[in-house]
Amino acid sequence: MNEQTPNDAVRRKVFSPARLGSLNLRNRVIKTATYEGMSPGGVPSDALIRHHRELAAGGVGMTTVAYCAVSPNGRTFEAQMYMRDAILPKLRALTEAVHTEGAAVSIQLGHCGYFSRNTTLPRRCSLGPSFRLNEYGLMSGVPFTRAMTEADIAQVIDEFGTAAAMAVSAGFDALELHLGHGYLLSQFLCPATNRRRDMWGGSLENRMRLPLTVLRRVRERVGAGFPILCKTNLRDGFRGGLELDESVKIAQALEREGVDAIVLSGGFTSRTPFYLFRGARPIKEMIEVEHNPFQKLSLRFFGNRIIREYPFKEMFFLEDARAVRRAVRVPLVLLGGVLSVDNLETAMREGFDFVAMGRALIADPDLINRMQQGEATRSRCISCNKCVAEMDRNGVRCVL
């Protein structure tokens, strides 16, 4: 009889059923939320349904539908999906398609806050913690951000709750609240973008108030047993932004609130967009797909200056994520440069409960099945990041 090695046990753990709150998953691999670009007019398309069905058929335990805004004003672009009654039939078709393939499905809910390029905003002015120049939408006709009033804050809290209740009615198995990447809740957490002097800004306790209030409202609307994940930043990636010491405290606060899992990420879309991706910058391809002539010109002349390149290495968030793992007992989801069976096993040995994969599964939607069957040990993804540009062409895809 062959003896089982420690690696065999770790590998079995990756591909064995696991619990996420009250939800049973067939394994510990989650397709992380990566913007698909498949919701023209803000409506989920048949292509979006096929995309997530293929990921489910490919073996993931759960797939995540990326960035559904909680209101029209919470969209980064006019073509992004936002939650409303009109799209529920399409969302139900998506959840049913994923369930048919044996996987669970989550939806990421968020609000973009100040960095919007959505020209349908009232007075073409985006919302944020504080008044500021909107560097992300400057060339698109949304140059300024106004500081949110108490009424604005109350409305956003309600919008998150309403969107969450709709997601449950559409058949989703879990929700991911977006507290990272520089979106609105991240903007409140970030000391560089939250300059308020009231109860919503200043100390970390005050800066956490809106994200935690949103979490409580969502919990009220979905019920005690429904799984809620929160995606948070380990670091924003720029001076004055959120750093690891405060990120650990945020994770501890989320644990006290009873969140079911925390997805550990990083980067700030309007300032350090490739901090999350690492690897090559597809400036040429981004210019090709850009529709706004001013943005296209800006990318052509300043792209290499304003979009910093970060060297790629496998499991690039692991070192920072260890600090959070030491500080909390809540289930943690590790992401960032996870490409191989070895990476999955390392995550389990390091004490993480789930592993999230993005580009690796865009390149190989059936990767988990093939890994489990011993037919593959790693993704063919080379971190060229050209899939980032493809999001704005005809929907996300791997150019390989």
Protein backbone atom coordinates (compact mmCIF):
# COMPACT_ATOMS: atom_id res chain seq x y z
CA MET A 1 0.00 0.00 0.00
CA ASN A 2 1.35 3.40 -0.98
CA GLU A 3 1.74 5.83 1.90
CA GLN A 4 0.09 9.23 1.55
CA THR A 5 2.48 12.17 1.60
CA PRO A 6 1.72 15.49 3.33
CA ASN A 7 1.32 17.04 -0.12
CA ASP A 8 -1.36 14.47 -0.98
CA ALA A 9 -3.37 15.54 2.05
CA VAL A 10 -2.98 19.22 1.19
CA ARG A 11 -4.03 18.59 -2.40
CA ARG A 12 -7.09 16.68 -1.25
CA LYS A 13 -8.02 19.65 0.93
CA VAL A 14 -7.95 22.03 -2.06
CA PHE A 15 -10.24 19.83 -4.13
CA SER A 16 -12.52 18.58 -1.35
CA PRO A 17 -15.89 20.06 -0.36
CA ALA A 18 -15.75 23.04 2.00
CA ARG A 19 -18.17 25.27 3.91
CA LEU A 20 -18.45 29.00 3.35
CA GLY A 21 -20.79 30.07 6.11
CA SER A 22 -23.96 28.09 5.46
CA LEU A 23 -22.95 27.31 1.86
CA ASN A 24 -21.42 24.03 0.71
CA LEU A 25 -18.79 24.40 -2.02
CA ARG A 26 -17.43 21.44 -3.97
CA ASN A 27 -13.86 22.71 -3.53
CA ARG A 28 -11.89 25.66 -2.20
CA VAL A 29 -11.22 27.44 -5.52
CA ILE A 30 -13.16 30.63 -6.23
CA LYS A 31 -13.16 32.49 -9.52
CA THR A 32 -12.52 36.01 -8.31
CA ALA A 33 -14.48 38.98 -9.60
CA THR A 34 -12.82 40.33 -12.75
CA TYR A 35 -14.78 42.86 -14.79
CA GLU A 36 -16.21 40.99 -17.78
CA GLY A 37 -17.33 43.84 -20.07
CA MET A 38 -20.36 41.76 -21.08
CA SER A 39 -23.29 43.91 -19.97
CA PRO A 40 -24.05 46.31 -22.84
CA GLY A 41 -26.52 48.95 -21.77
CA GLY A 42 -26.04 47.75 -18.21
CA VAL A 43 -27.88 44.49 -18.98
CA PRO A 44 -26.27 41.05 -18.45
CA SER A 45 -25.78 39.43 -21.85
CA ASP A 46 -25.96 35.84 -23.04
CA ALA A 47 -22.16 36.04 -23.35
CA LEU A 48 -21.92 36.80 -19.61
CA ILE A 49 -24.09 33.77 -18.84
CA ARG A 50 -21.92 31.55 -21.07
CA HIS A 51 -18.75 32.93 -19.47
CA HIS A 52 -19.78 31.95 -15.95
CA ARG A 53 -21.32 28.67 -17.07
CA GLU A 54 -17.98 27.70 -18.65
CA LEU A 55 -16.13 28.56 -15.44
CA ALA A 56 -18.59 26.45 -13.47
CA ALA A 57 -18.28 23.57 -15.92
CA GLY A 58 -14.50 23.93 -15.62
CA GLY A 59 -14.55 22.94 -11.98
CA VAL A 60 -14.46 26.00 -9.70
CA GLY A 61 -16.26 25.78 -6.40
CA MET A 62 -17.78 29.22 -6.87
CA THR A 63 -17.67 31.84 -9.59
CA THR A 64 -18.14 35.57 -8.90
CA VAL A 65 -20.03 37.94 -11.20
CA ALA A 66 -17.94 41.10 -11.22
CA TYR A 67 -18.88 44.61 -10.27
CA CYS A 68 -22.61 45.10 -10.16
CA ALA A 69 -23.21 48.70 -9.11
CA VAL A 70 -25.85 49.28 -6.47
CA SER A 71 -27.26 52.27 -8.37
CA PRO A 72 -26.92 54.02 -11.75
CA ASN A 73 -24.65 56.62 -10.12
CA GLY A 74 -22.39 53.88 -8.78
CA ARG A 75 -21.18 52.84 -12.23
CA THR A 76 -17.67 53.59 -13.41
CA PHE A 77 -18.88 53.47 -17.02
CA GLU A 78 -22.31 53.87 -18.55
CA ALA A 79 -22.20 50.30 -19.91
CA GLN A 80 -21.67 48.70 -16.50
CA MET A 81 -24.35 46.59 -14.89
CA TYR A 82 -26.34 48.06 -12.03
CA MET A 83 -28.89 46.24 -9.91
CA ARG A 84 -32.56 46.78 -10.73
CA ASP A 85 -35.74 44.80 -11.35
CA ALA A 86 -35.29 44.85 -15.12
CA ILE A 87 -32.16 42.67 -15.07
CA LEU A 88 -33.40 40.05 -12.59
CA PRO A 89 -34.59 37.60 -15.30
CA LYS A 90 -31.13 37.60 -16.89
CA LEU A 91 -29.45 37.20 -13.52
CA ARG A 92 -31.74 34.27 -12.70
CA ALA A 93 -30.78 32.66 -16.00
CA LEU A 94 -27.11 33.12 -15.04
CA THR A 95 -27.44 31.61 -11.57
CA GLU A 96 -29.45 28.68 -12.93
CA ALA A 97 -26.79 28.03 -15.59
CA VAL A 98 -24.02 27.95 -12.96
CA HIS A 99 -26.04 25.70 -10.66
CA THR A 100 -26.67 23.30 -13.53
CA GLU A 101 -22.89 22.82 -13.74
CA GLY A 102 -22.61 22.05 -10.03
CA ALA A 103 -20.97 25.28 -8.82
CA ALA A 104 -22.10 28.10 -6.58
CA VAL A 105 -22.26 31.73 -7.73
CA SER A 106 -21.68 35.03 -5.96
CA ILE A 107 -22.16 38.59 -7.14
CA GLN A 108 -19.90 41.51 -6.30
CA LEU A 109 -21.79 44.64 -5.22
CA GLY A 110 -20.10 48.02 -5.24
CA HIS A 111 -20.23 51.74 -5.86
CA CYS A 112 -17.42 53.46 -7.77
CA GLY A 113 -17.54 56.68 -5.75
CA TYR A 114 -15.44 59.50 -7.07
CA PHE A 115 -13.68 57.88 -10.01
CA SER A 116 -16.52 57.68 -12.47
CA ARG A 117 -16.43 58.24 -16.23
CA ASN A 118 -20.21 58.03 -16.36
CA THR A 119 -21.43 61.20 -18.10
CA THR A 120 -25.05 60.57 -17.07
CA LEU A 121 -24.25 61.59 -13.49
CA PRO A 122 -26.25 64.58 -12.20
CA ARG A 123 -24.31 67.75 -13.06
CA ARG A 124 -21.54 65.41 -14.29
CA CYS A 125 -20.21 65.35 -10.77
CA SER A 126 -19.27 62.10 -9.04
CA LEU A 127 -19.69 61.31 -5.35
CA GLY A 128 -16.92 60.69 -2.83
CA PRO A 129 -15.89 61.21 0.76
CA SER A 130 -14.38 64.63 0.01
CA PHE A 131 -14.31 67.25 -2.72
CA ARG A 132 -11.52 66.51 -5.18
CA LEU A 133 -10.45 66.44 -8.80
CA ASN A 134 -11.53 63.23 -10.50
CA GLU A 135 -8.31 62.26 -12.27
CA TYR A 136 -9.96 59.11 -13.61
CA GLY A 137 -12.82 60.92 -15.34
CA LEU A 138 -11.12 64.24 -16.08
CA MET A 139 -10.90 63.61 -19.83
CA SER A 140 -14.39 62.09 -19.99
CA GLY A 141 -16.39 65.08 -18.82
CA VAL A 142 -16.67 64.15 -15.13
CA PRO A 143 -13.90 66.37 -13.75
CA PHE A 144 -14.95 66.89 -10.13
CA THR A 145 -16.17 65.01 -7.11
CA ARG A 146 -18.39 66.53 -4.47
CA ALA A 147 -18.26 65.50 -0.84
CA MET A 148 -21.19 63.29 0.07
CA THR A 149 -23.83 64.76 2.34
CA GLU A 150 -25.53 62.87 5.15
CA ALA A 151 -28.45 62.31 2.78
CA ASP A 152 -26.10 60.90 0.12
CA ILE A 153 -24.56 58.52 2.64
CA ALA A 154 -27.95 57.34 3.87
CA GLN A 155 -29.06 56.74 0.28
CA VAL A 156 -25.97 54.69 -0.56
CA ILE A 157 -26.47 52.53 2.53
CA ASP A 158 -30.06 51.88 1.44
CA GLU A 159 -28.93 51.13 -2.12
CA PHE A 160 -26.52 48.45 -0.94
CA GLY A 161 -29.27 46.84 1.13
CA THR A 162 -31.79 46.90 -1.70
CA ALA A 163 -29.27 45.54 -4.22
CA ALA A 164 -28.36 42.72 -1.85
CA ALA A 165 -31.99 41.69 -1.41
CA MET A 166 -32.45 41.65 -5.18
CA ALA A 167 -29.34 39.48 -5.58
CA VAL A 168 -30.80 36.91 -3.21
CA SER A 169 -34.06 36.88 -5.19
CA ALA A 170 -32.03 36.30 -8.38
CA GLY A 171 -30.67 33.05 -6.97
CA PHE A 172 -27.14 34.02 -5.95
CA ASP A 173 -25.58 31.85 -3.25
CA ALA A 174 -23.36 34.56 -1.74
CA LEU A 175 -22.53 38.27 -1.94
CA GLU A 176 -19.16 39.99 -2.14
CA LEU A 177 -19.09 43.57 -0.89
CA HIS A 178 -16.37 45.58 -2.62
CA LEU A 179 -14.35 47.39 0.04
CA GLY A 180 -11.18 47.49 -2.05
CA HIS A 181 -9.49 48.77 -5.21
CA GLY A 182 -10.34 52.41 -4.53
CA TYR A 183 -14.09 52.09 -5.00
CA LEU A 184 -16.38 54.13 -2.76
CA LEU A 185 -16.10 52.09 0.44
CA SER A 186 -12.35 51.88 -0.12
CA GLN A 187 -12.24 55.66 -0.63
CA PHE A 188 -13.75 56.09 2.83
CA LEU A 189 -11.16 53.71 4.31
CA CYS A 190 -8.24 55.43 2.57
CA PRO A 191 -6.71 58.36 4.53
CA ALA A 192 -5.57 60.04 1.31
CA THR A 193 -9.05 60.28 -0.20
CA ASN A 194 -11.12 60.66 2.97
CA ARG A 195 -10.41 64.13 4.34
CA ARG A 196 -13.68 64.48 6.22
CA ARG A 197 -13.77 65.92 9.74
CA ASP A 198 -17.09 64.46 10.79
CA MET A 199 -18.11 61.01 12.04
CA TRP A 200 -17.29 59.50 8.62
CA GLY A 201 -13.62 60.55 8.48
CA GLY A 202 -10.44 61.14 10.43
CA SER A 203 -9.65 58.19 12.70
CA LEU A 204 -9.69 54.64 11.36
CA GLU A 205 -12.78 53.99 13.48
CA ASN A 206 -14.58 56.81 11.66
CA ARG A 207 -13.25 55.82 8.24
CA MET A 208 -14.56 52.28 8.81
CA ARG A 209 -18.01 53.55 9.77
CA LEU A 210 -19.55 53.56 6.28
CA PRO A 211 -18.25 50.12 5.18
CA LEU A 212 -19.37 48.56 8.46
CA THR A 213 -22.77 50.29 8.32
CA VAL A 214 -23.23 49.01 4.76
CA LEU A 215 -22.30 45.50 5.92
CA ARG A 216 -24.87 45.66 8.73
CA ARG A 217 -27.60 46.90 6.38
CA VAL A 218 -26.84 44.15 3.88
CA ARG A 219 -26.93 41.56 6.65
CA GLU A 220 -30.35 42.86 7.72
CA ARG A 221 -31.66 42.48 4.17
CA VAL A 222 -30.24 39.04 3.34
CA GLY A 223 -30.65 37.33 6.71
CA ALA A 224 -28.32 35.80 9.26
CA GLY A 225 -27.51 32.64 7.31
CA PHE A 226 -26.65 34.12 3.92
CA PRO A 227 -22.89 34.14 3.12
CA ILE A 228 -21.29 37.59 2.82
CA LEU A 229 -17.68 38.06 1.70
CA CYS A 230 -15.83 41.37 1.83
CA LYS A 231 -13.02 42.18 -0.59
CA THR A 232 -10.50 44.45 1.13
CA ASN A 233 -7.11 45.94 0.35
CA LEU A 234 -3.95 44.85 2.09
CA ARG A 235 -2.36 48.05 0.77
CA ASP A 236 -3.56 50.77 -1.60
CA GLY A 237 -0.09 50.91 -3.15
CA PHE A 238 0.66 54.63 -2.91
CA ARG A 239 2.02 57.02 -0.29
CA GLY A 240 -0.73 58.22 2.02
CA GLY A 241 -2.98 55.31 1.16
CA LEU A 242 -4.11 52.42 3.30
CA GLU A 243 -1.25 50.35 4.71
CA LEU A 244 -1.04 46.89 6.20
CA ASP A 245 -1.28 47.88 9.86
CA GLU A 246 -4.71 49.46 9.33
CA SER A 247 -5.78 46.67 6.96
CA VAL A 248 -5.25 44.16 9.76
CA LYS A 249 -7.50 46.24 12.03
CA ILE A 250 -10.14 46.42 9.30
CA ALA A 251 -10.08 42.63 9.00
CA GLN A 252 -10.50 42.33 12.78
CA ALA A 253 -13.49 44.69 12.64
CA LEU A 254 -15.07 42.66 9.82
CA GLU A 255 -14.55 39.50 11.84
CA ARG A 256 -16.35 41.05 14.81
CA GLU A 257 -19.25 41.92 12.51
CA GLY A 258 -19.59 38.25 11.56
CA VAL A 259 -18.57 38.41 7.89
CA ASP A 260 -18.26 34.89 6.42
CA ALA A 261 -14.96 35.44 4.60
CA ILE A 262 -12.52 38.19 3.63
CA VAL A 263 -10.96 38.33 0.17
CA LEU A 264 -7.48 39.86 0.47
CA SER A 265 -6.49 42.12 -2.41
CA GLY A 266 -4.81 45.46 -3.08
CA GLY A 267 -4.39 48.44 -5.38
CA PHE A 268 -6.31 51.61 -6.16
CA THR A 269 -7.89 51.74 -9.62
CA SER A 270 -7.41 55.45 -10.24
CA ARG A 271 -3.82 55.57 -8.91
CA THR A 272 -2.19 52.14 -8.90
CA PRO A 273 -4.30 50.04 -11.29
CA PHE A 274 -1.64 47.42 -12.02
CA TYR A 275 -0.74 46.91 -8.37
CA LEU A 276 -3.49 44.29 -8.46
CA PHE A 277 -2.45 42.63 -11.71
CA ARG A 278 1.37 42.74 -11.75
CA GLY A 279 3.19 41.98 -14.98
CA ALA A 280 3.14 43.73 -18.35
CA ARG A 281 1.24 46.94 -19.13
CA PRO A 282 -0.76 46.51 -22.37
CA ILE A 283 -0.68 50.23 -23.21
CA LYS A 284 -0.89 49.67 -26.97
CA GLU A 285 -3.95 47.45 -26.62
CA MET A 286 -5.59 49.84 -24.14
CA ILE A 287 -5.19 52.68 -26.67
CA GLU A 288 -6.77 50.53 -29.39
CA VAL A 289 -9.95 49.85 -27.42
CA GLU A 290 -10.37 53.30 -25.85
CA HIS A 291 -13.40 55.11 -27.32
CA ASN A 292 -12.92 58.51 -25.73
CA PRO A 293 -10.53 60.54 -27.95
CA PHE A 294 -9.13 62.50 -25.01
CA GLN A 295 -8.48 59.37 -22.98
CA LYS A 296 -6.89 57.77 -26.04
CA LEU A 297 -4.58 60.76 -26.45
CA SER A 298 -3.71 60.73 -22.76
CA LEU A 299 -2.81 57.03 -22.88
CA ARG A 300 -0.72 57.53 -26.01
CA PHE A 301 1.43 60.30 -24.57
CA PHE A 302 1.36 59.65 -20.84
CA GLY A 303 0.37 56.00 -20.42
CA ASN A 304 3.86 54.78 -19.59
CA ARG A 305 4.22 57.55 -17.00
CA ILE A 306 0.86 57.36 -15.26
CA ILE A 307 0.42 53.56 -15.30
CA ARG A 308 3.20 52.12 -13.20
CA GLU A 309 4.47 48.63 -13.93
CA TYR A 310 4.82 46.13 -11.09
CA PRO A 311 6.99 43.04 -11.59
CA PHE A 312 5.03 39.80 -11.51
CA LYS A 313 5.80 37.00 -9.11
CA GLU A 314 3.63 34.09 -8.12
CA MET A 315 1.48 34.59 -5.00
CA PHE A 316 2.50 38.24 -4.77
CA PHE A 317 0.07 39.08 -1.93
CA LEU A 318 1.10 36.14 0.26
CA GLU A 319 3.57 37.95 2.51
CA ASP A 320 1.12 40.72 3.43
CA ALA A 321 -1.76 38.26 3.70
CA ARG A 322 0.15 36.30 6.35
CA ALA A 323 -0.14 39.29 8.71
CA VAL A 324 -3.92 39.17 8.43
CA ARG A 325 -3.95 35.39 8.84
CA ARG A 326 -2.07 35.74 12.12
CA ALA A 327 -4.53 38.35 13.41
CA VAL A 328 -7.94 36.79 12.66
CA ARG A 329 -9.69 33.43 12.65
CA VAL A 330 -12.36 34.35 10.07
CA PRO A 331 -12.02 32.43 6.77
CA LEU A 332 -9.62 34.17 4.39
CA VAL A 333 -9.44 34.00 0.60
CA LEU A 334 -5.95 34.37 -0.86
CA LEU A 335 -5.53 35.77 -4.36
CA GLY A 336 -2.80 37.35 -6.45
CA GLY A 337 -0.64 35.39 -8.89
CA VAL A 338 -2.10 31.97 -8.11
CA LEU A 339 -1.31 29.89 -11.18
CA SER A 340 -0.40 26.35 -10.22
CA VAL A 341 -1.19 23.31 -8.10
CA ASP A 342 1.90 24.18 -6.05
CA ASN A 343 0.42 27.63 -5.37
CA LEU A 344 -2.88 26.10 -4.26
CA GLU A 345 -1.09 23.73 -1.92
CA THR A 346 1.02 26.56 -0.51
CA ALA A 347 -2.12 28.55 0.28
CA MET A 348 -3.56 25.61 2.22
CA ARG A 349 -0.33 25.02 4.13
CA GLU A 350 -0.22 28.72 5.04
CA GLY A 351 -3.64 28.44 6.66
CA PHE A 352 -5.85 30.13 4.07
CA ASP A 353 -9.32 28.68 3.69
CA PHE A 354 -9.97 29.45 0.02
CA VAL A 355 -7.97 30.49 -3.01
CA ALA A 356 -9.22 32.95 -5.64
CA MET A 357 -8.00 32.87 -9.23
CA GLY A 358 -8.62 35.42 -11.99
CA ARG A 359 -6.41 35.60 -15.07
CA ALA A 360 -5.41 31.94 -14.72
CA LEU A 361 -9.05 30.94 -15.22
CA ILE A 362 -9.64 33.46 -17.99
CA ALA A 363 -6.79 31.72 -19.82
CA ASP A 364 -7.99 28.21 -18.88
CA PRO A 365 -11.64 28.01 -17.77
CA ASP A 366 -11.35 24.22 -17.30
CA LEU A 367 -8.10 24.45 -15.32
CA ILE A 368 -9.51 23.16 -12.02
CA ASN A 369 -10.96 20.02 -13.59
CA ARG A 370 -7.67 19.31 -15.35
CA MET A 371 -5.65 19.93 -12.19
CA GLN A 372 -7.91 17.66 -10.19
CA GLN A 373 -7.58 14.93 -12.83
CA GLY A 374 -3.81 15.29 -12.96
CA GLU A 375 -3.83 16.58 -16.54
CA ALA A 376 -2.40 20.03 -15.70
CA THR A 377 -0.20 21.51 -13.00
CA ARG A 378 -0.38 25.19 -13.93
CA SER A 379 -2.20 27.75 -16.07
CA ARG A 380 -0.81 28.90 -19.39
CA CYS A 381 -1.33 32.54 -18.28
CA ILE A 382 1.85 34.60 -18.84
CA SER A 383 0.62 37.78 -17.08
CA CYS A 384 0.70 39.79 -20.31
CA ASN A 385 -2.48 41.53 -19.05
CA LYS A 386 -3.89 41.90 -22.56
CA CYS A 387 -7.12 40.48 -21.17
CA VAL A 388 -7.50 43.79 -19.31
CA ALA A 389 -7.81 45.61 -22.64
CA GLU A 390 -10.08 42.92 -24.06
CA MET A 391 -12.66 43.76 -21.39
CA ASP A 392 -13.40 46.95 -23.31
CA ARG A 393 -13.39 45.34 -26.75
CA ASN A 394 -15.88 42.49 -26.87
CA GLY A 395 -15.66 41.17 -23.34
CA VAL A 396 -12.86 39.65 -21.33
CA ARG A 397 -10.92 36.85 -23.01
CA CYS A 398 -7.39 35.48 -23.13
CA VAL A 399 -5.50 36.46 -26.28
CA LEU A 400 -3.53 33.22 -26.11
